[in-house]
Protein backbone atom coordinates (compact mmCIF):
# COMPACT_ATOMS: atom_id res chain seq x y z
CA MET A 1 58.84 67.33 87.13
CA ALA A 2 55.22 66.18 87.53
CA GLY A 3 54.28 62.77 86.31
CA ALA A 4 51.47 61.80 84.06
CA GLU A 5 47.94 62.65 85.12
CA GLY A 6 46.81 60.24 87.79
CA GLU A 7 50.40 58.97 88.45
CA GLY A 8 51.08 58.75 92.19
CA SER A 9 47.48 59.56 93.16
CA GLY A 10 46.60 55.97 94.03
CA TRP A 11 43.90 56.02 91.32
CA PRO A 12 44.02 54.58 87.84
CA PRO A 13 44.73 57.45 85.33
CA GLU A 14 41.28 57.13 83.74
CA TRP A 15 39.68 57.72 87.25
CA THR A 16 41.70 60.82 88.05
CA PRO A 17 39.64 63.89 87.19
CA SER A 18 41.27 66.89 85.46
CA THR A 19 40.98 70.43 87.01
CA ASP A 20 38.57 71.35 84.26
CA HIS A 21 36.39 68.33 85.12
CA LEU A 22 36.36 69.23 88.83
CA VAL A 23 35.37 72.84 88.06
CA GLU A 24 32.61 71.59 85.76
CA ARG A 25 31.29 69.21 88.51
CA LEU A 26 31.39 72.08 91.03
CA LEU A 27 29.46 74.31 88.71
CA ASP A 28 26.90 71.54 88.21
CA ARG A 29 26.43 71.66 92.00
CA ARG A 30 26.35 75.54 91.87
CA VAL A 31 29.58 75.84 93.80
CA VAL A 32 32.24 78.51 93.08
CA LEU A 33 35.61 77.93 94.57
CA VAL A 34 37.87 80.95 95.10
CA SER A 35 41.37 80.24 96.42
CA GLY A 36 44.75 81.97 96.65
CA ARG A 37 45.38 85.74 96.50
CA LEU A 38 42.18 87.54 95.36
CA ASP A 39 43.52 89.50 92.37
CA GLN A 40 42.04 90.73 89.15
CA ALA A 41 42.35 87.33 87.41
CA VAL A 42 40.73 85.47 90.27
CA LEU A 43 38.06 88.16 90.44
CA THR A 44 37.23 87.85 86.77
CA ASP A 45 36.90 84.12 86.98
CA ALA A 46 34.79 84.05 90.12
CA ALA A 47 32.52 86.90 89.01
CA ALA A 48 31.94 85.12 85.67
CA ARG A 49 30.99 81.91 87.38
CA LEU A 50 28.62 83.69 89.81
CA MET A 51 26.89 85.50 86.96
CA LEU A 52 26.73 82.34 84.95
CA LEU A 53 25.02 80.41 87.76
CA ASP A 54 22.76 83.38 88.40
CA GLY A 55 21.55 83.11 84.89
CA MET A 56 21.08 79.31 84.98
CA GLY A 57 18.56 79.06 87.77
CA ASP A 58 17.13 80.42 90.98
CA GLU A 59 18.77 78.02 93.49
CA PRO A 60 21.41 79.39 95.91
CA VAL A 61 25.00 79.50 94.88
CA GLU A 62 27.74 78.28 97.25
CA LEU A 63 30.93 80.56 97.34
CA VAL A 64 33.78 78.64 98.96
CA LEU A 65 36.64 81.06 99.87
CA THR A 66 40.21 80.35 100.89
CA CYS A 67 41.90 83.66 100.29
CA PRO A 68 44.62 84.78 102.76
CA ASP A 69 44.91 88.18 101.11
CA GLY A 70 43.82 90.23 98.10
CA ASP A 71 43.74 93.46 96.19
CA LEU A 72 41.29 96.05 97.48
CA GLY A 73 39.82 96.72 94.09
CA ALA A 74 39.30 93.09 93.23
CA ALA A 75 37.73 92.42 96.63
CA MET A 76 35.35 95.37 96.30
CA SER A 77 34.33 94.23 92.75
CA LEU A 78 33.70 90.58 93.90
CA ALA A 79 31.66 91.90 96.84
CA ASP A 80 29.66 94.01 94.36
CA THR A 81 28.96 90.86 92.27
CA VAL A 82 27.95 88.87 95.34
CA GLU A 83 25.42 91.60 96.22
CA LEU A 84 24.17 92.19 92.73
CA VAL A 85 23.39 88.64 91.52
CA GLY A 86 19.71 87.73 91.82
CA VAL A 87 20.29 84.47 93.63
CA GLU A 88 21.14 83.85 97.25
CA VAL A 89 24.94 83.55 97.72
CA ARG A 90 26.06 81.40 100.72
CA ALA A 91 29.67 81.72 101.59
CA LEU A 92 31.91 79.19 103.32
CA CYS A 93 35.36 79.99 104.80
CA ALA A 94 37.44 76.91 104.12
CA GLY A 95 40.79 77.65 105.76
CA SER A 96 41.63 81.29 106.06
CA ILE A 97 40.42 84.60 104.68
CA GLY A 98 42.36 87.78 105.19
CA GLY A 99 42.81 91.43 104.28
CA PRO A 100 40.37 92.77 101.59
CA ALA A 101 39.16 89.29 100.75
CA VAL A 102 37.11 89.31 103.94
CA LEU A 103 34.59 91.63 102.32
CA PRO A 104 33.07 89.30 99.62
CA PHE A 105 32.57 86.69 102.40
CA ALA A 106 31.05 89.30 104.75
CA VAL A 107 28.38 90.51 102.33
CA ALA A 108 27.08 87.02 101.39
CA THR A 109 23.54 86.09 102.29
CA HIS A 110 24.59 83.41 104.78
CA ARG A 111 28.15 83.03 106.09
CA LEU A 112 29.49 79.67 107.29
CA ALA A 113 32.97 78.89 108.62
CA GLN A 114 34.75 75.58 109.15
CA PRO A 115 35.53 75.01 112.84
CA HIS A 116 39.25 75.83 112.44
CA ALA A 117 38.82 78.67 109.91
CA THR A 118 40.64 81.90 110.63
CA PHE A 119 40.07 85.49 109.61
CA ARG A 120 42.62 88.31 109.41
CA LEU A 121 41.38 91.80 109.40
CA GLY A 122 44.11 93.92 107.86
CA GLU A 123 44.52 97.10 105.80
CA PRO A 124 45.13 96.50 102.15
CA ARG A 125 48.69 97.07 100.91
CA PHE A 126 49.07 100.19 98.75
CA GLU A 127 52.14 100.93 96.67
CA ILE A 128 52.41 103.58 94.01
CA ASP A 129 55.24 105.41 92.32
CA GLY A 130 55.45 107.97 89.49
CA ARG A 131 54.89 111.67 89.14
CA ALA A 132 53.65 113.56 92.23
CA SER A 133 50.28 114.38 90.58
CA VAL A 134 49.70 110.65 89.81
CA VAL A 135 50.73 109.62 93.34
CA ALA A 136 48.39 112.20 94.86
CA GLU A 137 45.48 111.10 92.64
CA GLU A 138 45.95 107.38 93.37
CA THR A 139 46.39 107.98 97.04
CA ALA A 140 43.09 109.84 97.21
CA ARG A 141 41.38 107.15 95.25
CA HIS A 142 42.80 104.49 97.63
CA ALA A 143 41.59 106.45 100.66
CA GLU A 144 38.08 106.61 99.22
CA LEU A 145 38.10 102.86 98.46
CA LEU A 146 39.38 102.11 101.99
CA ALA A 147 36.67 104.24 103.63
CA ASP A 148 34.07 102.48 101.53
CA PHE A 149 35.53 99.02 102.43
CA GLN A 150 35.42 99.94 106.14
CA ARG A 151 31.78 101.16 105.91
CA ARG A 152 30.64 98.01 104.07
CA LEU A 153 32.38 95.70 106.50
CA ALA A 154 30.82 97.64 109.36
CA ASP A 155 27.42 97.25 107.74
CA ALA A 156 27.93 93.53 107.20
CA THR A 157 29.12 92.86 110.84
CA GLY A 158 27.18 95.39 112.84
CA GLN A 159 30.45 96.78 114.25
CA PRO A 160 31.04 100.50 114.35
CA VAL A 161 33.25 101.88 111.55
CA THR A 162 35.72 103.09 114.13
CA THR A 163 36.14 99.50 115.48
CA ILE A 164 36.54 98.09 112.01
CA ALA A 165 39.20 100.84 111.18
CA ALA A 166 41.12 100.17 114.40
CA ASP A 167 41.01 96.30 113.91
CA LEU A 168 42.16 96.66 110.27
CA ARG A 169 45.12 98.89 111.38
CA ARG A 170 46.31 96.43 113.95
CA GLY A 171 45.80 93.27 111.85
CA ARG A 172 43.43 91.56 114.21
CA PHE A 173 43.05 87.77 113.86
CA LEU A 174 39.78 86.01 114.57
CA THR A 175 39.05 82.31 115.07
CA ALA A 176 35.70 80.97 113.70
CA ASP A 177 34.01 81.43 117.08
CA GLU A 178 35.43 84.91 117.49
CA ALA A 179 34.30 85.82 113.95
CA ARG A 180 30.77 84.62 114.85
CA SER A 181 30.79 86.83 117.95
CA TYR A 182 32.10 89.75 115.84
CA GLY A 183 29.23 89.43 113.35
CA LEU A 184 31.35 88.16 110.53
CA VAL A 185 30.12 84.58 110.61
CA ASP A 186 26.56 83.30 110.93
CA GLU A 187 27.25 79.66 111.63
CA ILE A 188 30.10 77.25 112.38
CA ALA A 189 30.03 74.21 110.06
CA SER A 190 29.28 70.88 111.77
CA ARG A 191 29.66 67.30 110.52
CA GLY A 192 27.48 66.70 107.45
CA ARG A 193 26.50 70.37 107.30
CA LEU A 194 28.40 71.04 104.06
CA ARG A 195 26.19 68.83 102.09
CA SER A 196 23.13 70.86 102.95
CA LEU A 197 24.59 74.38 102.43
């Protein structure tokens, strides 16, 4: 069982910020943090924050991603939001990004990775059950989304669609340096660089 807020942190309780306070401070700095599996709930929260910051000023927004996997539909929708907001969106890979969650990072205006960041190119999981007609319809829809995902990732990296498709099928891992060579990362973060994103 967790203790009282601030207990065990080494800070007096009145100095320990709540999660809401941290999120508010990040928003004040025009930073949107997206972590964990990129699902519908995470998408809704991140998209709302991006749109809010877009409406609050013209300065760039920083999108910090640590998403080891995600749902294809949620990733496509977050990528749409990144591309549709009117402000510049600068993405930072802080840790690892994998599967469909790679796309929102890839379509950002400027893409920065921490030196030990990793990327996993992998095909999205797809499970469906039910009547044959429903399964056939959902399978066709998934195939369309996957083809669009591959095309958009190819556009963002400069890689051929065939290369993207093959790398997704085999679950290719990339270090930060390899991702830069691949066209997925623009710059590797250096000491002090995060303050001037």
